């Protein structure tokens, strides 16, 4: 049961592995052993989309480096089964040593960035190369031309973008190119549905595959938090308690009732609601433990009936 990334012809699993926690201090995956365990679990459970970025990890680039070692250990057969996606060009973060590379959407920057990612990931090509945030300086036509060169050279198979506005998505789709953008990423969950207003319509018009991130709203939609009690050692409790304070618990309690009626976990239902949305290709789900990977992968195997999807949508309308 796979899905196609936009017009690329590349097939991926319904649930992808978000790799932003690899190399992040204070997580189980901050080191090589933890990263190896999660990546190997993902491969074993049939997850094929692995999504990272050159800025992920502490320091930046650590996620790609840890993944490179882990994938090397997994072997060429495993590499052939997965779709390796990374991102470049986040405007809010600078990677040491890139200060003189120029604008992040420029040909010069892109060529240096892709070579650096290929080295860190220890691969000959990247399956999906994504612009992390819009470049306010470089015309999108120049960015597309540089990406088309990389496709022609076999360094990347397809390219996408992330965090673009609807207007920017349409502008990018209008560029005459032999390839074109295949995917878009943005935040999307039951409690963050802003993309439905204009971004998702633009995604559908452009024929892109959509990859939502933060699908569980930092864990709020996992079912382990309530207004009365939350695990003291949980990430949301420790790092983002304001999200718990601001949560609409009345809606969440109504949602919990619907979830109970399905006989499934809240995590499963949350992922399956996203997968029922027309534009969504694969849900990017982070994990720091192999057991989380197993739960995420299993969630991608089920589907919700139309009535349940509609009932959930109405709760969070």
C-alpha atoms as a PDB file:
ATOM      1  CA  UNK A   1       0.000   0.000   0.000  1.00  0.00           C
ATOM      2  CA  UNK A   2       2.077   2.871  -1.314  1.00  0.00           C
ATOM      3  CA  UNK A   3       1.351   6.389  -2.538  1.00  0.00           C
ATOM      4  CA  UNK A   4       2.942   8.439  -5.300  1.00  0.00           C
ATOM      5  CA  UNK A   5       4.856  11.659  -4.619  1.00  0.00           C
ATOM      6  CA  UNK A   6       3.087  14.079  -6.929  1.00  0.00           C
ATOM      7  CA  UNK A   7       4.238  13.790 -10.543  1.00  0.00           C
ATOM      8  CA  UNK A   8       7.543  12.109  -9.681  1.00  0.00           C
ATOM      9  CA  UNK A   9       6.475   8.494 -10.043  1.00  0.00           C
ATOM     10  CA  UNK A  10       8.224   7.776  -6.729  1.00  0.00           C
ATOM     11  CA  UNK A  11       6.231   5.483  -4.427  1.00  0.00           C
ATOM     12  CA  UNK A  12       6.336   5.935  -0.643  1.00  0.00           C
ATOM     13  CA  UNK A  13       4.734   4.457   2.453  1.00  0.00           C
ATOM     14  CA  UNK A  14       1.666   6.207   3.958  1.00  0.00           C
ATOM     15  CA  UNK A  15       3.702   7.049   7.055  1.00  0.00           C
ATOM     16  CA  UNK A  16       7.150   8.567   6.702  1.00  0.00           C
ATOM     17  CA  UNK A  17       9.924   8.906   9.263  1.00  0.00           C
ATOM     18  CA  UNK A  18      10.643  12.460  10.388  1.00  0.00           C
ATOM     19  CA  UNK A  19      14.339  12.646  11.246  1.00  0.00           C
ATOM     20  CA  UNK A  20      14.506  16.027  12.983  1.00  0.00           C
ATOM     21  CA  UNK A  21      15.207  14.369  16.348  1.00  0.00           C
ATOM     22  CA  UNK A  22      18.410  12.673  15.189  1.00  0.00           C
ATOM     23  CA  UNK A  23      21.294  14.454  16.863  1.00  0.00           C
ATOM     24  CA  UNK A  24      19.016  16.539  19.071  1.00  0.00           C
ATOM     25  CA  UNK A  25      20.388  16.892  22.588  1.00  0.00           C
ATOM     26  CA  UNK A  26      18.261  15.316  25.293  1.00  0.00           C
ATOM     27  CA  UNK A  27      16.665  12.693  23.043  1.00  0.00           C
ATOM     28  CA  UNK A  28      17.345   8.970  22.803  1.00  0.00           C
ATOM     29  CA  UNK A  29      18.399   9.571  19.194  1.00  0.00           C
ATOM     30  CA  UNK A  30      21.028  12.197  19.970  1.00  0.00           C
ATOM     31  CA  UNK A  31      23.740   9.599  19.334  1.00  0.00           C
ATOM     32  CA  UNK A  32      24.538   6.985  16.717  1.00  0.00           C
ATOM     33  CA  UNK A  33      23.144   4.004  18.614  1.00  0.00           C
ATOM     34  CA  UNK A  34      19.754   5.624  19.123  1.00  0.00           C
ATOM     35  CA  UNK A  35      19.582   6.750  15.506  1.00  0.00           C
ATOM     36  CA  UNK A  36      20.578   3.301  14.248  1.00  0.00           C
ATOM     37  CA  UNK A  37      17.808   1.679  16.282  1.00  0.00           C
ATOM     38  CA  UNK A  38      15.092   3.966  14.921  1.00  0.00           C
ATOM     39  CA  UNK A  39      16.238   3.798  11.297  1.00  0.00           C
ATOM     40  CA  UNK A  40      16.560   0.028  11.333  1.00  0.00           C
ATOM     41  CA  UNK A  41      13.119  -0.273  12.966  1.00  0.00           C
ATOM     42  CA  UNK A  42      11.629   1.927  10.252  1.00  0.00           C
ATOM     43  CA  UNK A  43      13.146  -0.239   7.533  1.00  0.00           C
ATOM     44  CA  UNK A  44      11.928  -3.413   9.269  1.00  0.00           C
ATOM     45  CA  UNK A  45       8.369  -2.044   9.556  1.00  0.00           C
ATOM     46  CA  UNK A  46       8.105  -1.024   5.926  1.00  0.00           C
ATOM     47  CA  UNK A  47       8.480   2.736   6.258  1.00  0.00           C
ATOM     48  CA  UNK A  48      10.126   3.943   3.069  1.00  0.00           C
ATOM     49  CA  UNK A  49      10.065   7.764   3.267  1.00  0.00           C
ATOM     50  CA  UNK A  50      12.867   9.223   5.407  1.00  0.00           C
ATOM     51  CA  UNK A  51      12.709  13.014   5.740  1.00  0.00           C
ATOM     52  CA  UNK A  52      15.531  15.122   7.168  1.00  0.00           C
ATOM     53  CA  UNK A  53      17.192  18.519   6.540  1.00  0.00           C
ATOM     54  CA  UNK A  54      20.692  19.930   6.550  1.00  0.00           C
ATOM     55  CA  UNK A  55      19.896  22.072   9.607  1.00  0.00           C
ATOM     56  CA  UNK A  56      18.571  19.227  11.777  1.00  0.00           C
ATOM     57  CA  UNK A  57      20.557  18.155  14.811  1.00  0.00           C
ATOM     58  CA  UNK A  58      22.688  19.935  17.355  1.00  0.00           C
ATOM     59  CA  UNK A  59      24.908  21.150  15.865  1.00  0.00           C
ATOM     60  CA  UNK A  60      23.232  21.509  12.473  1.00  0.00           C
ATOM     61  CA  UNK A  61      23.984  18.745   9.945  1.00  0.00           C
ATOM     62  CA  UNK A  62      24.205  16.101  12.697  1.00  0.00           C
ATOM     63  CA  UNK A  63      20.969  14.418  11.617  1.00  0.00           C
ATOM     64  CA  UNK A  64      22.254  13.837   8.095  1.00  0.00           C
ATOM     65  CA  UNK A  65      25.615  12.594   9.388  1.00  0.00           C
ATOM     66  CA  UNK A  66      24.045  10.112  11.809  1.00  0.00           C
ATOM     67  CA  UNK A  67      21.682   8.919   9.100  1.00  0.00           C
ATOM     68  CA  UNK A  68      24.563   8.412   6.701  1.00  0.00           C
ATOM     69  CA  UNK A  69      26.288   6.039   9.095  1.00  0.00           C
ATOM     70  CA  UNK A  70      23.044   4.220   9.934  1.00  0.00           C
ATOM     71  CA  UNK A  71      22.111   3.728   6.284  1.00  0.00           C
ATOM     72  CA  UNK A  72      25.618   2.541   5.480  1.00  0.00           C
ATOM     73  CA  UNK A  73      25.255  -0.108   8.186  1.00  0.00           C
ATOM     74  CA  UNK A  74      21.840  -1.110   6.829  1.00  0.00           C
ATOM     75  CA  UNK A  75      23.374  -1.936   3.448  1.00  0.00           C
ATOM     76  CA  UNK A  76      22.633  -1.274  -0.200  1.00  0.00           C
ATOM     77  CA  UNK A  77      19.474  -3.389  -0.289  1.00  0.00           C
ATOM     78  CA  UNK A  78      17.920  -1.218   2.402  1.00  0.00           C
ATOM     79  CA  UNK A  79      19.048   1.959   0.638  1.00  0.00           C
ATOM     80  CA  UNK A  80      17.359   0.784  -2.550  1.00  0.00           C
ATOM     81  CA  UNK A  81      14.051   0.326  -0.713  1.00  0.00           C
ATOM     82  CA  UNK A  82      13.867   3.751   0.886  1.00  0.00           C
ATOM     83  CA  UNK A  83      13.096   7.208  -0.445  1.00  0.00           C
ATOM     84  CA  UNK A  84      15.630   9.571   1.076  1.00  0.00           C
ATOM     85  CA  UNK A  85      14.416  13.155   1.362  1.00  0.00           C
ATOM     86  CA  UNK A  86      16.319  16.118   2.712  1.00  0.00           C
ATOM     87  CA  UNK A  87      15.952  19.884   2.677  1.00  0.00           C
ATOM     88  CA  UNK A  88      18.217  22.872   2.194  1.00  0.00           C
ATOM     89  CA  UNK A  89      17.930  26.630   2.448  1.00  0.00           C
ATOM     90  CA  UNK A  90      16.137  27.483   5.695  1.00  0.00           C
ATOM     91  CA  UNK A  91      16.244  31.270   5.917  1.00  0.00           C
ATOM     92  CA  UNK A  92      16.260  31.411   9.729  1.00  0.00           C
ATOM     93  CA  UNK A  93      19.297  29.187  10.299  1.00  0.00           C
ATOM     94  CA  UNK A  94      22.879  29.398   9.057  1.00  0.00           C
ATOM     95  CA  UNK A  95      25.142  26.377   8.802  1.00  0.00           C
ATOM     96  CA  UNK A  96      28.749  26.993   9.757  1.00  0.00           C
ATOM     97  CA  UNK A  97      30.924  27.393   6.686  1.00  0.00           C
ATOM     98  CA  UNK A  98      28.118  28.406   4.324  1.00  0.00           C
ATOM     99  CA  UNK A  99      28.249  32.148   4.946  1.00  0.00           C
ATOM    100  CA  UNK A 100      29.928  32.906   1.608  1.00  0.00           C
ATOM    101  CA  UNK A 101      27.757  30.647  -0.522  1.00  0.00           C
ATOM    102  CA  UNK A 102      25.304  33.371  -1.491  1.00  0.00           C
ATOM    103  CA  UNK A 103      21.503  33.402  -1.516  1.00  0.00           C
ATOM    104  CA  UNK A 104      20.085  30.030  -0.511  1.00  0.00           C
ATOM    105  CA  UNK A 105      17.944  29.634  -3.609  1.00  0.00           C
ATOM    106  CA  UNK A 106      20.813  30.445  -5.952  1.00  0.00           C
ATOM    107  CA  UNK A 107      22.573  27.951  -8.203  1.00  0.00           C
ATOM    108  CA  UNK A 108      25.865  28.378  -6.364  1.00  0.00           C
ATOM    109  CA  UNK A 109      24.371  27.698  -2.950  1.00  0.00           C
ATOM    110  CA  UNK A 110      22.259  24.775  -4.136  1.00  0.00           C
ATOM    111  CA  UNK A 111      25.177  22.980  -5.774  1.00  0.00           C
ATOM    112  CA  UNK A 112      27.361  23.323  -2.685  1.00  0.00           C
ATOM    113  CA  UNK A 113      24.510  22.337  -0.365  1.00  0.00           C
ATOM    114  CA  UNK A 114      23.579  19.196  -2.275  1.00  0.00           C
ATOM    115  CA  UNK A 115      27.190  18.005  -2.420  1.00  0.00           C
ATOM    116  CA  UNK A 116      27.516  18.529   1.335  1.00  0.00           C
ATOM    117  CA  UNK A 117      24.314  16.573   2.002  1.00  0.00           C
ATOM    118  CA  UNK A 118      25.397  13.742  -0.296  1.00  0.00           C
ATOM    119  CA  UNK A 119      28.679  13.454   1.621  1.00  0.00           C
ATOM    120  CA  UNK A 120      26.998  13.459   5.020  1.00  0.00           C
ATOM    121  CA  UNK A 121      24.319  10.981   3.966  1.00  0.00           C
ATOM    122  CA  UNK A 122      26.945   8.771   2.264  1.00  0.00           C
ATOM    123  CA  UNK A 123      24.789   8.289  -0.829  1.00  0.00           C
ATOM    124  CA  UNK A 124      25.185   8.884  -4.553  1.00  0.00           C
ATOM    125  CA  UNK A 125      21.800  10.529  -4.977  1.00  0.00           C
ATOM    126  CA  UNK A 126      18.993  12.107  -2.959  1.00  0.00           C
ATOM    127  CA  UNK A 127      15.506  10.962  -3.913  1.00  0.00           C
ATOM    128  CA  UNK A 128      13.658  14.143  -2.933  1.00  0.00           C
ATOM    129  CA  UNK A 129      15.486  17.460  -2.486  1.00  0.00           C
ATOM    130  CA  UNK A 130      13.366  20.188  -0.917  1.00  0.00           C
ATOM    131  CA  UNK A 131      13.640  23.957  -0.533  1.00  0.00           C
ATOM    132  CA  UNK A 132      13.113  24.379   3.217  1.00  0.00           C
ATOM    133  CA  UNK A 133      11.723  27.928   3.196  1.00  0.00           C
ATOM    134  CA  UNK A 134      11.190  30.502   0.428  1.00  0.00           C
ATOM    135  CA  UNK A 135      14.188  32.532  -0.702  1.00  0.00           C
ATOM    136  CA  UNK A 136      13.086  36.201  -0.798  1.00  0.00           C
ATOM    137  CA  UNK A 137      15.992  37.171  -3.062  1.00  0.00           C
ATOM    138  CA  UNK A 138      16.373  34.564  -5.793  1.00  0.00           C
ATOM    139  CA  UNK A 139      13.749  34.300  -8.575  1.00  0.00           C
ATOM    140  CA  UNK A 140      12.124  30.885  -8.410  1.00  0.00           C
ATOM    141  CA  UNK A 141      13.015  30.319 -12.084  1.00  0.00           C
ATOM    142  CA  UNK A 142      16.713  30.316 -11.177  1.00  0.00           C
ATOM    143  CA  UNK A 143      16.143  27.868  -8.341  1.00  0.00           C
ATOM    144  CA  UNK A 144      14.222  25.529 -10.635  1.00  0.00           C
ATOM    145  CA  UNK A 145      16.935  25.711 -13.304  1.00  0.00           C
ATOM    146  CA  UNK A 146      19.563  24.677 -10.753  1.00  0.00           C
ATOM    147  CA  UNK A 147      17.396  21.805  -9.519  1.00  0.00           C
ATOM    148  CA  UNK A 148      16.772  20.597 -13.061  1.00  0.00           C
ATOM    149  CA  UNK A 149      20.545  20.431 -13.542  1.00  0.00           C
ATOM    150  CA  UNK A 150      20.825  18.192 -10.481  1.00  0.00           C
ATOM    151  CA  UNK A 151      18.117  15.884 -11.842  1.00  0.00           C
ATOM    152  CA  UNK A 152      19.906  15.671 -15.198  1.00  0.00           C
ATOM    153  CA  UNK A 153      23.179  14.850 -13.439  1.00  0.00           C
ATOM    154  CA  UNK A 154      21.567  12.112 -11.336  1.00  0.00           C
ATOM    155  CA  UNK A 155      22.326  13.814  -8.030  1.00  0.00           C
ATOM    156  CA  UNK A 156      18.604  14.058  -7.161  1.00  0.00           C
ATOM    157  CA  UNK A 157      15.546  12.215  -8.508  1.00  0.00           C
ATOM    158  CA  UNK A 158      12.883  14.832  -7.757  1.00  0.00           C
ATOM    159  CA  UNK A 159      12.476  18.106  -5.915  1.00  0.00           C
ATOM    160  CA  UNK A 160       9.931  19.758  -3.662  1.00  0.00           C
ATOM    161  CA  UNK A 161       9.381  22.746  -1.430  1.00  0.00           C
ATOM    162  CA  UNK A 162       8.322  23.488   2.129  1.00  0.00           C
ATOM    163  CA  UNK A 163       6.545  26.333   3.908  1.00  0.00           C
ATOM    164  CA  UNK A 164       5.548  28.214   0.750  1.00  0.00           C
ATOM    165  CA  UNK A 165       2.419  30.349   0.593  1.00  0.00           C
ATOM    166  CA  UNK A 166      -0.354  29.513  -1.869  1.00  0.00           C
ATOM    167  CA  UNK A 167       0.799  32.348  -4.118  1.00  0.00           C
ATOM    168  CA  UNK A 168       4.385  31.077  -4.052  1.00  0.00           C
ATOM    169  CA  UNK A 169       3.230  27.524  -4.810  1.00  0.00           C
ATOM    170  CA  UNK A 170       1.349  28.732  -7.881  1.00  0.00           C
ATOM    171  CA  UNK A 171       4.315  30.837  -8.977  1.00  0.00           C
ATOM    172  CA  UNK A 172       6.629  27.831  -8.674  1.00  0.00           C
ATOM    173  CA  UNK A 173       4.191  25.615 -10.577  1.00  0.00           C
ATOM    174  CA  UNK A 174       4.052  28.107 -13.446  1.00  0.00           C
ATOM    175  CA  UNK A 175       7.772  27.833 -14.227  1.00  0.00           C
ATOM    176  CA  UNK A 176       8.435  26.062 -17.531  1.00  0.00           C
ATOM    177  CA  UNK A 177      10.623  23.085 -16.702  1.00  0.00           C
ATOM    178  CA  UNK A 178      11.174  19.472 -17.783  1.00  0.00           C
ATOM    179  CA  UNK A 179      10.633  18.326 -14.198  1.00  0.00           C
ATOM    180  CA  UNK A 180       8.880  20.736 -11.858  1.00  0.00           C
ATOM    181  CA  UNK A 181       8.212  20.526  -8.150  1.00  0.00           C
ATOM    182  CA  UNK A 182       6.714  17.217  -7.007  1.00  0.00           C
ATOM    183  CA  UNK A 183       5.870  17.867  -3.365  1.00  0.00           C
ATOM    184  CA  UNK A 184       5.022  20.450  -0.734  1.00  0.00           C
ATOM    185  CA  UNK A 185       5.474  20.338   3.028  1.00  0.00           C
ATOM    186  CA  UNK A 186       3.748  22.351   5.723  1.00  0.00           C
ATOM    187  CA  UNK A 187       2.382  21.996   9.227  1.00  0.00           C
ATOM    188  CA  UNK A 188      -0.988  20.254   9.265  1.00  0.00           C
ATOM    189  CA  UNK A 189      -2.921  18.547  12.030  1.00  0.00           C
ATOM    190  CA  UNK A 190      -6.397  18.481  13.519  1.00  0.00           C
ATOM    191  CA  UNK A 191      -5.544  21.497  15.658  1.00  0.00           C
ATOM    192  CA  UNK A 192      -3.599  23.344  12.944  1.00  0.00           C
ATOM    193  CA  UNK A 193      -5.708  23.398   9.789  1.00  0.00           C
ATOM    194  CA  UNK A 194      -4.706  26.763   8.344  1.00  0.00           C
ATOM    195  CA  UNK A 195      -3.336  25.169   5.167  1.00  0.00           C
ATOM    196  CA  UNK A 196      -6.854  24.111   4.206  1.00  0.00           C
ATOM    197  CA  UNK A 197      -7.783  27.716   3.383  1.00  0.00           C
ATOM    198  CA  UNK A 198      -5.453  28.288   0.452  1.00  0.00           C
ATOM    199  CA  UNK A 199      -2.279  26.170   0.564  1.00  0.00           C
ATOM    200  CA  UNK A 200      -3.931  22.785  -0.006  1.00  0.00           C
ATOM    201  CA  UNK A 201      -6.085  24.081  -2.895  1.00  0.00           C
ATOM    202  CA  UNK A 202      -2.874  25.383  -4.513  1.00  0.00           C
ATOM    203  CA  UNK A 203      -1.169  22.033  -3.883  1.00  0.00           C
ATOM    204  CA  UNK A 204      -4.015  20.182  -5.600  1.00  0.00           C
ATOM    205  CA  UNK A 205      -4.046  22.606  -8.540  1.00  0.00           C
ATOM    206  CA  UNK A 206      -0.316  22.049  -9.030  1.00  0.00           C
ATOM    207  CA  UNK A 207      -0.618  18.262  -8.778  1.00  0.00           C
ATOM    208  CA  UNK A 208       1.798  18.082  -5.854  1.00  0.00           C
ATOM    209  CA  UNK A 209       2.057  15.453  -3.182  1.00  0.00           C
ATOM    210  CA  UNK A 210       1.559  16.972   0.271  1.00  0.00           C
ATOM    211  CA  UNK A 211       3.664  15.906   3.262  1.00  0.00           C
ATOM    212  CA  UNK A 212       2.298  17.238   6.570  1.00  0.00           C
ATOM    213  CA  UNK A 213       4.669  17.714   9.480  1.00  0.00           C
ATOM    214  CA  UNK A 214       3.826  18.043  13.199  1.00  0.00           C
ATOM    215  CA  UNK A 215       0.805  15.737  12.606  1.00  0.00           C
ATOM    216  CA  UNK A 216       0.426  15.042  16.324  1.00  0.00           C
ATOM    217  CA  UNK A 217       0.750  18.715  17.319  1.00  0.00           C
ATOM    218  CA  UNK A 218       3.888  18.098  19.396  1.00  0.00           C
ATOM    219  CA  UNK A 219       2.225  15.083  21.025  1.00  0.00           C
ATOM    220  CA  UNK A 220      -1.041  16.775  22.006  1.00  0.00           C
ATOM    221  CA  UNK A 221      -2.936  14.336  19.766  1.00  0.00           C
ATOM    222  CA  UNK A 222      -1.328  11.151  21.079  1.00  0.00           C
ATOM    223  CA  UNK A 223      -3.916  10.626  23.817  1.00  0.00           C
ATOM    224  CA  UNK A 224      -1.462  10.718  26.704  1.00  0.00           C
ATOM    225  CA  UNK A 225      -2.352  14.249  27.796  1.00  0.00           C
ATOM    226  CA  UNK A 226      -5.504  15.476  29.513  1.00  0.00           C
ATOM    227  CA  UNK A 227      -6.649  18.659  31.209  1.00  0.00           C
ATOM    228  CA  UNK A 228      -6.394  16.968  34.594  1.00  0.00           C
ATOM    229  CA  UNK A 229      -3.072  15.195  34.241  1.00  0.00           C
ATOM    230  CA  UNK A 230      -0.089  14.928  31.939  1.00  0.00           C
ATOM    231  CA  UNK A 231       3.033  12.759  32.272  1.00  0.00           C
ATOM    232  CA  UNK A 232       5.632  14.813  34.133  1.00  0.00           C
ATOM    233  CA  UNK A 233       8.479  13.438  32.016  1.00  0.00           C
ATOM    234  CA  UNK A 234       6.708  13.877  28.663  1.00  0.00           C
ATOM    235  CA  UNK A 235       8.304  16.184  26.106  1.00  0.00           C
ATOM    236  CA  UNK A 236       5.314  18.508  25.830  1.00  0.00           C
ATOM    237  CA  UNK A 237       5.044  18.851  29.601  1.00  0.00           C
ATOM    238  CA  UNK A 238       8.734  19.689  29.917  1.00  0.00           C
ATOM    239  CA  UNK A 239       9.405  21.821  26.862  1.00  0.00           C
ATOM    240  CA  UNK A 240       6.124  23.344  25.710  1.00  0.00           C
ATOM    241  CA  UNK A 241       3.740  23.511  28.683  1.00  0.00           C
ATOM    242  CA  UNK A 242       2.082  26.553  27.120  1.00  0.00           C
ATOM    243  CA  UNK A 243       0.568  24.310  24.453  1.00  0.00           C
ATOM    244  CA  UNK A 244      -1.169  22.321  27.166  1.00  0.00           C
ATOM    245  CA  UNK A 245      -2.410  25.509  28.791  1.00  0.00           C
ATOM    246  CA  UNK A 246      -3.755  26.831  25.479  1.00  0.00           C
ATOM    247  CA  UNK A 247      -5.320  23.553  24.312  1.00  0.00           C
ATOM    248  CA  UNK A 248      -9.053  23.415  23.574  1.00  0.00           C
ATOM    249  CA  UNK A 249      -9.814  20.579  25.953  1.00  0.00           C
ATOM    250  CA  UNK A 250     -13.548  20.597  25.215  1.00  0.00           C
ATOM    251  CA  UNK A 251     -12.849  19.708  21.581  1.00  0.00           C
ATOM    252  CA  UNK A 252     -10.182  17.208  22.559  1.00  0.00           C
ATOM    253  CA  UNK A 253     -12.589  15.437  24.913  1.00  0.00           C
ATOM    254  CA  UNK A 254     -15.191  15.192  22.132  1.00  0.00           C
ATOM    255  CA  UNK A 255     -12.484  13.820  19.878  1.00  0.00           C
ATOM    256  CA  UNK A 256     -11.524  11.254  22.485  1.00  0.00           C
ATOM    257  CA  UNK A 257     -15.125  10.003  22.501  1.00  0.00           C
ATOM    258  CA  UNK A 258     -15.033   9.478  18.733  1.00  0.00           C
ATOM    259  CA  UNK A 259     -11.671   7.725  19.029  1.00  0.00           C
ATOM    260  CA  UNK A 260     -13.054   5.323  21.649  1.00  0.00           C
ATOM    261  CA  UNK A 261     -15.868   4.437  19.270  1.00  0.00           C
ATOM    262  CA  UNK A 262     -13.389   3.301  16.635  1.00  0.00           C
ATOM    263  CA  UNK A 263     -11.615   0.884  18.950  1.00  0.00           C
ATOM    264  CA  UNK A 264      -8.298   2.374  17.867  1.00  0.00           C
ATOM    265  CA  UNK A 265      -5.703   4.561  19.543  1.00  0.00           C
ATOM    266  CA  UNK A 266      -5.789   8.337  19.212  1.00  0.00           C
ATOM    267  CA  UNK A 267      -2.476   8.220  17.364  1.00  0.00           C
ATOM    268  CA  UNK A 268      -3.910   5.810  14.792  1.00  0.00           C
ATOM    269  CA  UNK A 269      -7.066   7.843  14.250  1.00  0.00           C
ATOM    270  CA  UNK A 270      -5.129  11.106  14.004  1.00  0.00           C
ATOM    271  CA  UNK A 271      -2.842   9.744  11.290  1.00  0.00           C
ATOM    272  CA  UNK A 272      -5.732   8.076   9.477  1.00  0.00           C
ATOM    273  CA  UNK A 273      -7.745  11.314   9.418  1.00  0.00           C
ATOM    274  CA  UNK A 274      -4.798  13.023   7.727  1.00  0.00           C
ATOM    275  CA  UNK A 275      -4.398  10.198   5.218  1.00  0.00           C
ATOM    276  CA  UNK A 276      -8.078  10.599   4.312  1.00  0.00           C
ATOM    277  CA  UNK A 277      -7.461  14.168   3.134  1.00  0.00           C
ATOM    278  CA  UNK A 278      -7.262  14.386  -0.647  1.00  0.00           C
ATOM    279  CA  UNK A 279      -3.956  16.234  -0.903  1.00  0.00           C
ATOM    280  CA  UNK A 280      -2.008  14.179   1.647  1.00  0.00           C
ATOM    281  CA  UNK A 281       0.469  11.649   0.279  1.00  0.00           C
ATOM    282  CA  UNK A 282       2.442  10.590   3.348  1.00  0.00           C
ATOM    283  CA  UNK A 283       2.457  11.750   6.966  1.00  0.00           C
ATOM    284  CA  UNK A 284       5.853  12.725   8.368  1.00  0.00           C
ATOM    285  CA  UNK A 285       5.989  11.222  11.849  1.00  0.00           C
ATOM    286  CA  UNK A 286       8.948  11.678  14.150  1.00  0.00           C
ATOM    287  CA  UNK A 287      10.179   8.969  16.499  1.00  0.00           C
ATOM    288  CA  UNK A 288      12.931   8.543  19.043  1.00  0.00           C
ATOM    289  CA  UNK A 289      12.306   4.882  19.931  1.00  0.00           C
ATOM    290  CA  UNK A 290      11.768   1.727  17.849  1.00  0.00           C
ATOM    291  CA  UNK A 291       8.419   1.057  19.529  1.00  0.00           C
ATOM    292  CA  UNK A 292       7.169   4.465  18.376  1.00  0.00           C
ATOM    293  CA  UNK A 293       8.192   3.581  14.836  1.00  0.00           C
ATOM    294  CA  UNK A 294       6.176   0.365  15.048  1.00  0.00           C
ATOM    295  CA  UNK A 295       3.085   2.234  16.270  1.00  0.00           C
ATOM    296  CA  UNK A 296       3.399   4.853  13.549  1.00  0.00           C
ATOM    297  CA  UNK A 297       3.823   2.289  10.792  1.00  0.00           C
ATOM    298  CA  UNK A 298       0.820   0.284  12.002  1.00  0.00           C
ATOM    299  CA  UNK A 299      -1.331   3.410  11.953  1.00  0.00           C
ATOM    300  CA  UNK A 300      -0.702   3.750   8.234  1.00  0.00           C
ATOM    301  CA  UNK A 301      -2.281   0.372   7.557  1.00  0.00           C
ATOM    302  CA  UNK A 302      -5.812   1.339   8.631  1.00  0.00           C
ATOM    303  CA  UNK A 303      -8.454   3.603   7.128  1.00  0.00           C
ATOM    304  CA  UNK A 304     -11.386   5.520   8.594  1.00  0.00           C
ATOM    305  CA  UNK A 305     -14.866   5.424   7.083  1.00  0.00           C
ATOM    306  CA  UNK A 306     -16.199   8.639   5.577  1.00  0.00           C
ATOM    307  CA  UNK A 307     -18.661   9.271   8.408  1.00  0.00           C
ATOM    308  CA  UNK A 308     -15.918   9.135  11.030  1.00  0.00           C
ATOM    309  CA  UNK A 309     -13.673  11.431   8.992  1.00  0.00           C
ATOM    310  CA  UNK A 310     -16.515  13.946   8.709  1.00  0.00           C
ATOM    311  CA  UNK A 311     -17.372  13.730  12.414  1.00  0.00           C
ATOM    312  CA  UNK A 312     -13.764  14.430  13.366  1.00  0.00           C
ATOM    313  CA  UNK A 313     -13.516  17.294  10.888  1.00  0.00           C
ATOM    314  CA  UNK A 314     -16.598  18.926  12.394  1.00  0.00           C
ATOM    315  CA  UNK A 315     -15.170  18.744  15.919  1.00  0.00           C
ATOM    316  CA  UNK A 316     -12.105  20.726  14.873  1.00  0.00           C
ATOM    317  CA  UNK A 317     -13.798  22.985  12.314  1.00  0.00           C
END
